[in-house]
PDB file of all heavy atoms in Angstrom:
ATOM      1  N   ASN A   1     -79.325 -61.567  27.712  1.00  0.00           N
ATOM      2  CA  ASN A   1     -79.720 -62.974  27.771  1.00  0.00           C
ATOM      3  C   ASN A   1     -79.521 -63.677  26.446  1.00  0.00           C
ATOM      4  O   ASN A   1     -78.915 -64.749  26.390  1.00  0.00           O
ATOM      5  CB  ASN A   1     -81.198 -63.072  28.183  1.00  0.00           C
ATOM      6  CG  ASN A   1     -81.422 -62.653  29.609  1.00  0.00           C
ATOM      7  OD1 ASN A   1     -80.652 -62.973  30.472  1.00  0.00           O
ATOM      8  ND2 ASN A   1     -82.502 -61.903  29.839  1.00  0.00           N
ATOM      9  N   SER A   2     -80.056 -63.120  25.371  1.00  0.00           N
ATOM     10  CA  SER A   2     -79.935 -63.769  24.075  1.00  0.00           C
ATOM     11  C   SER A   2     -79.968 -62.753  22.951  1.00  0.00           C
ATOM     12  O   SER A   2     -80.444 -61.624  23.133  1.00  0.00           O
ATOM     13  CB  SER A   2     -81.062 -64.800  23.879  1.00  0.00           C
ATOM     14  OG  SER A   2     -82.309 -64.143  23.807  1.00  0.00           O
ATOM     15  N   ILE A   3     -79.467 -63.162  21.805  1.00  0.00           N
ATOM     16  CA  ILE A   3     -79.473 -62.337  20.616  1.00  0.00           C
ATOM     17  C   ILE A   3     -80.030 -63.175  19.457  1.00  0.00           C
ATOM     18  O   ILE A   3     -79.603 -64.322  19.281  1.00  0.00           O
ATOM     19  CB  ILE A   3     -78.053 -61.846  20.271  1.00  0.00           C
ATOM     20  CG1 ILE A   3     -77.515 -60.941  21.378  1.00  0.00           C
ATOM     21  CG2 ILE A   3     -78.049 -61.097  18.920  1.00  0.00           C
ATOM     22  CD1 ILE A   3     -76.051 -60.571  21.186  1.00  0.00           C
ATOM     23  N   GLN A   4     -80.971 -62.600  18.754  1.00  0.00           N
ATOM     24  CA  GLN A   4     -81.497 -63.242  17.547  1.00  0.00           C
ATOM     25  C   GLN A   4     -81.164 -62.386  16.335  1.00  0.00           C
ATOM     26  O   GLN A   4     -81.446 -61.184  16.329  1.00  0.00           O
ATOM     27  CB  GLN A   4     -83.018 -63.410  17.628  1.00  0.00           C
ATOM     28  CG  GLN A   4     -83.487 -64.417  18.652  1.00  0.00           C
ATOM     29  CD  GLN A   4     -84.989 -64.464  18.696  1.00  0.00           C
ATOM     30  OE1 GLN A   4     -85.656 -63.445  18.793  1.00  0.00           O
ATOM     31  NE2 GLN A   4     -85.567 -65.674  18.640  1.00  0.00           N
ATOM     32  N   VAL A   5     -80.544 -62.982  15.349  1.00  0.00           N
ATOM     33  CA  VAL A   5     -80.292 -62.302  14.084  1.00  0.00           C
ATOM     34  C   VAL A   5     -81.193 -62.952  13.065  1.00  0.00           C
ATOM     35  O   VAL A   5     -81.057 -64.135  12.721  1.00  0.00           O
ATOM     36  CB  VAL A   5     -78.812 -62.417  13.658  1.00  0.00           C
ATOM     37  CG1 VAL A   5     -78.606 -61.717  12.321  1.00  0.00           C
ATOM     38  CG2 VAL A   5     -77.899 -61.822  14.720  1.00  0.00           C
ATOM     39  N   VAL A   6     -82.162 -62.171  12.589  1.00  0.00           N
ATOM     40  CA  VAL A   6     -83.143 -62.668  11.617  1.00  0.00           C
ATOM     41  C   VAL A   6     -82.702 -62.175  10.237  1.00  0.00           C
ATOM     42  O   VAL A   6     -82.799 -60.989   9.930  1.00  0.00           O
ATOM     43  CB  VAL A   6     -84.564 -62.159  11.939  1.00  0.00           C
ATOM     44  CG1 VAL A   6     -85.571 -62.738  10.951  1.00  0.00           C
ATOM     45  CG2 VAL A   6     -84.940 -62.505  13.385  1.00  0.00           C
ATOM     46  N   VAL A   7     -82.216 -63.098   9.436  1.00  0.00           N
ATOM     47  CA  VAL A   7     -81.818 -62.754   8.070  1.00  0.00           C
ATOM     48  C   VAL A   7     -83.068 -62.893   7.184  1.00  0.00           C
ATOM     49  O   VAL A   7     -83.463 -63.992   6.812  1.00  0.00           O
ATOM     50  CB  VAL A   7     -80.688 -63.661   7.565  1.00  0.00           C
ATOM     51  CG1 VAL A   7     -80.290 -63.252   6.136  1.00  0.00           C
ATOM     52  CG2 VAL A   7     -79.473 -63.570   8.487  1.00  0.00           C
ATOM     53  N   ASP A   8     -83.704 -61.759   6.907  1.00  0.00           N
ATOM     54  CA  ASP A   8     -84.923 -61.768   6.111  1.00  0.00           C
ATOM     55  C   ASP A   8     -84.643 -61.965   4.629  1.00  0.00           C
ATOM     56  O   ASP A   8     -85.346 -62.689   3.945  1.00  0.00           O
ATOM     57  CB  ASP A   8     -85.690 -60.453   6.303  1.00  0.00           C
ATOM     58  CG  ASP A   8     -86.162 -60.249   7.739  1.00  0.00           C
ATOM     59  OD1 ASP A   8     -86.920 -61.116   8.226  1.00  0.00           O
ATOM     60  OD2 ASP A   8     -85.774 -59.254   8.364  1.00  0.00           O
ATOM     61  N   THR A   9     -83.590 -61.316   4.145  1.00  0.00           N
ATOM     62  CA  THR A   9     -83.155 -61.465   2.754  1.00  0.00           C
ATOM     63  C   THR A   9     -81.687 -61.840   2.739  1.00  0.00           C
ATOM     64  O   THR A   9     -80.863 -61.101   3.299  1.00  0.00           O
ATOM     65  CB  THR A   9     -83.371 -60.157   1.968  1.00  0.00           C
ATOM     66  OG1 THR A   9     -84.740 -59.777   2.041  1.00  0.00           O
ATOM     67  CG2 THR A   9     -82.945 -60.328   0.533  1.00  0.00           C
ATOM     68  N   ALA A  10     -81.381 -62.987   2.199  1.00  0.00           N
ATOM     69  CA  ALA A  10     -79.982 -63.446   2.210  1.00  0.00           C
ATOM     70  C   ALA A  10     -79.066 -62.447   1.515  1.00  0.00           C
ATOM     71  O   ALA A  10     -79.403 -61.879   0.477  1.00  0.00           O
ATOM     72  CB  ALA A  10     -79.894 -64.812   1.531  1.00  0.00           C
ATOM     73  N   PHE A  11     -77.896 -62.220   2.101  1.00  0.00           N
ATOM     74  CA  PHE A  11     -76.883 -61.334   1.517  1.00  0.00           C
ATOM     75  C   PHE A  11     -76.117 -62.093   0.451  1.00  0.00           C
ATOM     76  O   PHE A  11     -75.928 -63.294   0.546  1.00  0.00           O
ATOM     77  CB  PHE A  11     -75.929 -60.852   2.598  1.00  0.00           C
ATOM     78  CG  PHE A  11     -76.515 -59.882   3.607  1.00  0.00           C
ATOM     79  CD1 PHE A  11     -77.551 -60.273   4.461  1.00  0.00           C
ATOM     80  CD2 PHE A  11     -76.013 -58.595   3.735  1.00  0.00           C
ATOM     81  CE1 PHE A  11     -78.083 -59.402   5.394  1.00  0.00           C
ATOM     82  CE2 PHE A  11     -76.531 -57.705   4.655  1.00  0.00           C
ATOM     83  CZ  PHE A  11     -77.574 -58.097   5.494  1.00  0.00           C
ATOM     84  N   ASN A  12     -75.653 -61.376  -0.536  1.00  0.00           N
ATOM     85  CA  ASN A  12     -74.692 -61.959  -1.456  1.00  0.00           C
ATOM     86  C   ASN A  12     -73.301 -61.536  -1.027  1.00  0.00           C
ATOM     87  O   ASN A  12     -73.127 -60.844  -0.029  1.00  0.00           O
ATOM     88  CB  ASN A  12     -74.996 -61.577  -2.920  1.00  0.00           C
ATOM     89  CG  ASN A  12     -74.986 -60.074  -3.143  1.00  0.00           C
ATOM     90  OD1 ASN A  12     -74.665 -59.304  -2.260  1.00  0.00           O
ATOM     91  ND2 ASN A  12     -75.345 -59.658  -4.347  1.00  0.00           N
ATOM     92  N   GLY A  13     -72.300 -61.956  -1.741  1.00  0.00           N
ATOM     93  CA  GLY A  13     -70.937 -61.646  -1.335  1.00  0.00           C
ATOM     94  C   GLY A  13     -70.497 -62.483  -0.136  1.00  0.00           C
ATOM     95  O   GLY A  13     -71.010 -63.564   0.108  1.00  0.00           O
ATOM     96  N   THR A  14     -69.563 -61.907   0.649  1.00  0.00           N
ATOM     97  CA  THR A  14     -69.057 -62.620   1.828  1.00  0.00           C
ATOM     98  C   THR A  14     -69.106 -61.684   3.058  1.00  0.00           C
ATOM     99  O   THR A  14     -68.073 -61.377   3.655  1.00  0.00           O
ATOM    100  CB  THR A  14     -67.616 -63.109   1.602  1.00  0.00           C
ATOM    101  OG1 THR A  14     -66.794 -61.959   1.237  1.00  0.00           O
ATOM    102  CG2 THR A  14     -67.556 -64.151   0.516  1.00  0.00           C
ATOM    103  N   PRO A  15     -70.304 -61.261   3.450  1.00  0.00           N
ATOM    104  CA  PRO A  15     -70.414 -60.325   4.569  1.00  0.00           C
ATOM    105  C   PRO A  15     -70.238 -61.015   5.926  1.00  0.00           C
ATOM    106  O   PRO A  15     -70.488 -62.226   6.059  1.00  0.00           O
ATOM    107  CB  PRO A  15     -71.837 -59.791   4.429  1.00  0.00           C
ATOM    108  CG  PRO A  15     -72.577 -60.937   3.838  1.00  0.00           C
ATOM    109  CD  PRO A  15     -71.619 -61.594   2.887  1.00  0.00           C
ATOM    110  N   THR A  16     -69.799 -60.250   6.898  1.00  0.00           N
ATOM    111  CA  THR A  16     -69.695 -60.758   8.275  1.00  0.00           C
ATOM    112  C   THR A  16     -70.205 -59.687   9.237  1.00  0.00           C
ATOM    113  O   THR A  16     -70.243 -58.501   8.918  1.00  0.00           O
ATOM    114  CB  THR A  16     -68.242 -61.097   8.659  1.00  0.00           C
ATOM    115  OG1 THR A  16     -67.440 -59.918   8.561  1.00  0.00           O
ATOM    116  CG2 THR A  16     -67.681 -62.198   7.774  1.00  0.00           C
ATOM    117  N   MET A  17     -70.570 -60.120  10.436  1.00  0.00           N
ATOM    118  CA  MET A  17     -71.019 -59.185  11.466  1.00  0.00           C
ATOM    119  C   MET A  17     -70.673 -59.750  12.843  1.00  0.00           C
ATOM    120  O   MET A  17     -70.574 -60.955  13.035  1.00  0.00           O
ATOM    121  CB  MET A  17     -72.529 -58.945  11.389  1.00  0.00           C
ATOM    122  CG  MET A  17     -73.369 -60.200  11.575  1.00  0.00           C
ATOM    123  SD  MET A  17     -75.102 -59.842  11.993  1.00  0.00           S
ATOM    124  CE  MET A  17     -74.919 -59.334  13.716  1.00  0.00           C
ATOM    125  N   SER A  18     -70.457 -58.837  13.779  1.00  0.00           N
ATOM    126  CA  SER A  18     -70.266 -59.228  15.170  1.00  0.00           C
ATOM    127  C   SER A  18     -70.953 -58.191  16.027  1.00  0.00           C
ATOM    128  O   SER A  18     -71.248 -57.076  15.571  1.00  0.00           O
ATOM    129  CB  SER A  18     -68.780 -59.318  15.519  1.00  0.00           C
ATOM    130  OG  SER A  18     -68.151 -58.049  15.376  1.00  0.00           O
ATOM    131  N   ILE A  19     -71.203 -58.536  17.283  1.00  0.00           N
ATOM    132  CA  ILE A  19     -71.914 -57.625  18.189  1.00  0.00           C
ATOM    133  C   ILE A  19     -71.100 -57.490  19.467  1.00  0.00           C
ATOM    134  O   ILE A  19     -70.684 -58.477  20.078  1.00  0.00           O
ATOM    135  CB  ILE A  19     -73.319 -58.143  18.516  1.00  0.00           C
ATOM    136  CG1 ILE A  19     -74.145 -58.265  17.244  1.00  0.00           C
ATOM    137  CG2 ILE A  19     -74.033 -57.228  19.506  1.00  0.00           C
ATOM    138  CD1 ILE A  19     -75.487 -58.960  17.439  1.00  0.00           C
ATOM    139  N   GLY A  20     -70.869 -56.259  19.847  1.00  0.00           N
ATOM    140  CA  GLY A  20     -70.098 -56.027  21.070  1.00  0.00           C
ATOM    141  C   GLY A  20     -70.074 -54.547  21.398  1.00  0.00           C
ATOM    142  O   GLY A  20     -71.063 -53.835  21.223  1.00  0.00           O
ATOM    143  N   ILE A  21     -68.921 -54.082  21.827  1.00  0.00           N
ATOM    144  CA  ILE A  21     -68.722 -52.674  22.172  1.00  0.00           C
ATOM    145  C   ILE A  21     -67.401 -52.219  21.584  1.00  0.00           C
ATOM    146  O   ILE A  21     -66.609 -53.035  21.110  1.00  0.00           O
ATOM    147  CB  ILE A  21     -68.724 -52.471  23.704  1.00  0.00           C
ATOM    148  CG1 ILE A  21     -67.613 -53.313  24.346  1.00  0.00           C
ATOM    149  CG2 ILE A  21     -70.079 -52.805  24.309  1.00  0.00           C
ATOM    150  CD1 ILE A  21     -67.467 -53.118  25.845  1.00  0.00           C
ATOM    151  N   ALA A  22     -67.202 -50.924  21.587  1.00  0.00           N
ATOM    152  CA  ALA A  22     -65.932 -50.401  21.052  1.00  0.00           C
ATOM    153  C   ALA A  22     -64.778 -50.994  21.836  1.00  0.00           C
ATOM    154  O   ALA A  22     -64.762 -51.001  23.074  1.00  0.00           O
ATOM    155  CB  ALA A  22     -65.931 -48.888  21.158  1.00  0.00           C
ATOM    156  N   GLY A  23     -63.795 -51.532  21.136  1.00  0.00           N
ATOM    157  CA  GLY A  23     -62.642 -52.159  21.793  1.00  0.00           C
ATOM    158  C   GLY A  23     -62.810 -53.655  21.980  1.00  0.00           C
ATOM    159  O   GLY A  23     -61.827 -54.389  22.042  1.00  0.00           O
ATOM    160  N   THR A  24     -64.067 -54.143  22.083  1.00  0.00           N
ATOM    161  CA  THR A  24     -64.350 -55.569  22.195  1.00  0.00           C
ATOM    162  C   THR A  24     -65.533 -55.841  21.284  1.00  0.00           C
ATOM    163  O   THR A  24     -66.661 -56.073  21.730  1.00  0.00           O
ATOM    164  CB  THR A  24     -64.665 -55.971  23.650  1.00  0.00           C
ATOM    165  OG1 THR A  24     -63.700 -55.414  24.531  1.00  0.00           O
ATOM    166  CG2 THR A  24     -64.636 -57.501  23.805  1.00  0.00           C
ATOM    167  N   THR A  25     -65.312 -55.828  20.012  1.00  0.00           N
ATOM    168  CA  THR A  25     -66.402 -55.847  19.036  1.00  0.00           C
ATOM    169  C   THR A  25     -67.143 -57.189  18.941  1.00  0.00           C
ATOM    170  O   THR A  25     -68.224 -57.256  18.355  1.00  0.00           O
ATOM    171  CB  THR A  25     -65.881 -55.471  17.641  1.00  0.00           C
ATOM    172  OG1 THR A  25     -64.826 -56.369  17.279  1.00  0.00           O
ATOM    173  CG2 THR A  25     -65.361 -54.026  17.647  1.00  0.00           C
ATOM    174  N   SER A  26     -66.581 -58.259  19.521  1.00  0.00           N
ATOM    175  CA  SER A  26     -67.254 -59.562  19.505  1.00  0.00           C
ATOM    176  C   SER A  26     -67.627 -60.007  20.905  1.00  0.00           C
ATOM    177  O   SER A  26     -67.769 -61.220  21.168  1.00  0.00           O
ATOM    178  CB  SER A  26     -66.344 -60.627  18.856  1.00  0.00           C
ATOM    179  OG  SER A  26     -66.090 -60.303  17.502  1.00  0.00           O
ATOM    180  N   LYS A  27     -67.834 -59.062  21.810  1.00  0.00           N
ATOM    181  CA  LYS A  27     -68.139 -59.414  23.205  1.00  0.00           C
ATOM    182  C   LYS A  27     -69.366 -60.280  23.315  1.00  0.00           C
ATOM    183  O   LYS A  27     -69.421 -61.218  24.119  1.00  0.00           O
ATOM    184  CB  LYS A  27     -68.294 -58.152  24.031  1.00  0.00           C
ATOM    185  CG  LYS A  27     -68.639 -58.438  25.501  1.00  0.00           C
ATOM    186  CD  LYS A  27     -68.693 -57.192  26.341  1.00  0.00           C
ATOM    187  CE  LYS A  27     -69.013 -57.534  27.796  1.00  0.00           C
ATOM    188  NZ  LYS A  27     -69.039 -56.341  28.677  1.00  0.00           N
ATOM    189  N   TYR A  28     -70.410 -59.996  22.536  1.00  0.00           N
ATOM    190  CA  TYR A  28     -71.682 -60.714  22.678  1.00  0.00           C
ATOM    191  C   TYR A  28     -71.967 -61.652  21.510  1.00  0.00           C
ATOM    192  O   TYR A  28     -72.782 -62.558  21.638  1.00  0.00           O
ATOM    193  CB  TYR A  28     -72.841 -59.713  22.846  1.00  0.00           C
ATOM    194  CG  TYR A  28     -72.686 -58.892  24.112  1.00  0.00           C
ATOM    195  CD1 TYR A  28     -72.442 -57.532  24.047  1.00  0.00           C
ATOM    196  CD2 TYR A  28     -72.789 -59.482  25.366  1.00  0.00           C
ATOM    197  CE1 TYR A  28     -72.303 -56.773  25.193  1.00  0.00           C
ATOM    198  CE2 TYR A  28     -72.656 -58.728  26.527  1.00  0.00           C
ATOM    199  CZ  TYR A  28     -72.411 -57.385  26.436  1.00  0.00           C
ATOM    200  OH  TYR A  28     -72.257 -56.642  27.570  1.00  0.00           O
ATOM    201  N   SER A  29     -71.343 -61.447  20.369  1.00  0.00           N
ATOM    202  CA  SER A  29     -71.539 -62.340  19.234  1.00  0.00           C
ATOM    203  C   SER A  29     -70.353 -62.232  18.306  1.00  0.00           C
ATOM    204  O   SER A  29     -69.955 -61.119  17.917  1.00  0.00           O
ATOM    205  CB  SER A  29     -72.827 -62.001  18.493  1.00  0.00           C
ATOM    206  OG  SER A  29     -72.968 -62.787  17.330  1.00  0.00           O
ATOM    207  N   ALA A  30     -69.812 -63.372  17.914  1.00  0.00           N
ATOM    208  CA  ALA A  30     -68.652 -63.404  17.022  1.00  0.00           C
ATOM    209  C   ALA A  30     -69.101 -63.498  15.577  1.00  0.00           C
ATOM    210  O   ALA A  30     -70.252 -63.828  15.270  1.00  0.00           O
ATOM    211  CB  ALA A  30     -67.751 -64.581  17.376  1.00  0.00           C
ATOM    212  N   THR A  31     -68.180 -63.258  14.649  1.00  0.00           N
ATOM    213  CA  THR A  31     -68.506 -63.325  13.221  1.00  0.00           C
ATOM    214  C   THR A  31     -68.903 -64.740  12.810  1.00  0.00           C
ATOM    215  O   THR A  31     -69.628 -64.912  11.826  1.00  0.00           O
ATOM    216  CB  THR A  31     -67.307 -62.878  12.381  1.00  0.00           C
ATOM    217  OG1 THR A  31     -66.169 -63.668  12.707  1.00  0.00           O
ATOM    218  CG2 THR A  31     -66.994 -61.402  12.619  1.00  0.00           C
ATOM    219  N   SER A  32     -68.470 -65.744  13.556  1.00  0.00           N
ATOM    220  CA  SER A  32     -68.782 -67.132  13.211  1.00  0.00           C
ATOM    221  C   SER A  32     -70.179 -67.569  13.661  1.00  0.00           C
ATOM    222  O   SER A  32     -70.623 -68.675  13.330  1.00  0.00           O
ATOM    223  CB  SER A  32     -67.740 -68.072  13.843  1.00  0.00           C
ATOM    224  OG  SER A  32     -67.719 -67.914  15.252  1.00  0.00           O
ATOM    225  N   ASP A  33     -70.888 -66.709  14.409  1.00  0.00           N
ATOM    226  CA  ASP A  33     -72.200 -67.095  14.945  1.00  0.00           C
ATOM    227  C   ASP A  33     -73.328 -66.957  13.928  1.00  0.00           C
ATOM    228  O   ASP A  33     -74.401 -67.552  14.093  1.00  0.00           O
ATOM    229  CB  ASP A  33     -72.538 -66.239  16.162  1.00  0.00           C
ATOM    230  CG  ASP A  33     -71.645 -66.534  17.352  1.00  0.00           C
ATOM    231  OD1 ASP A  33     -71.179 -67.697  17.456  1.00  0.00           O
ATOM    232  OD2 ASP A  33     -71.407 -65.641  18.170  1.00  0.00           O
TER     233      ASP A  33
END
């Protein structure tokens, strides 16, 4: 239904993340989200 990413402590640098499955790593959330 939904995904919440709670950033408790801001990251430095230029990190990215996505959520999905092997082969479709951005199926549920893209790096731009």
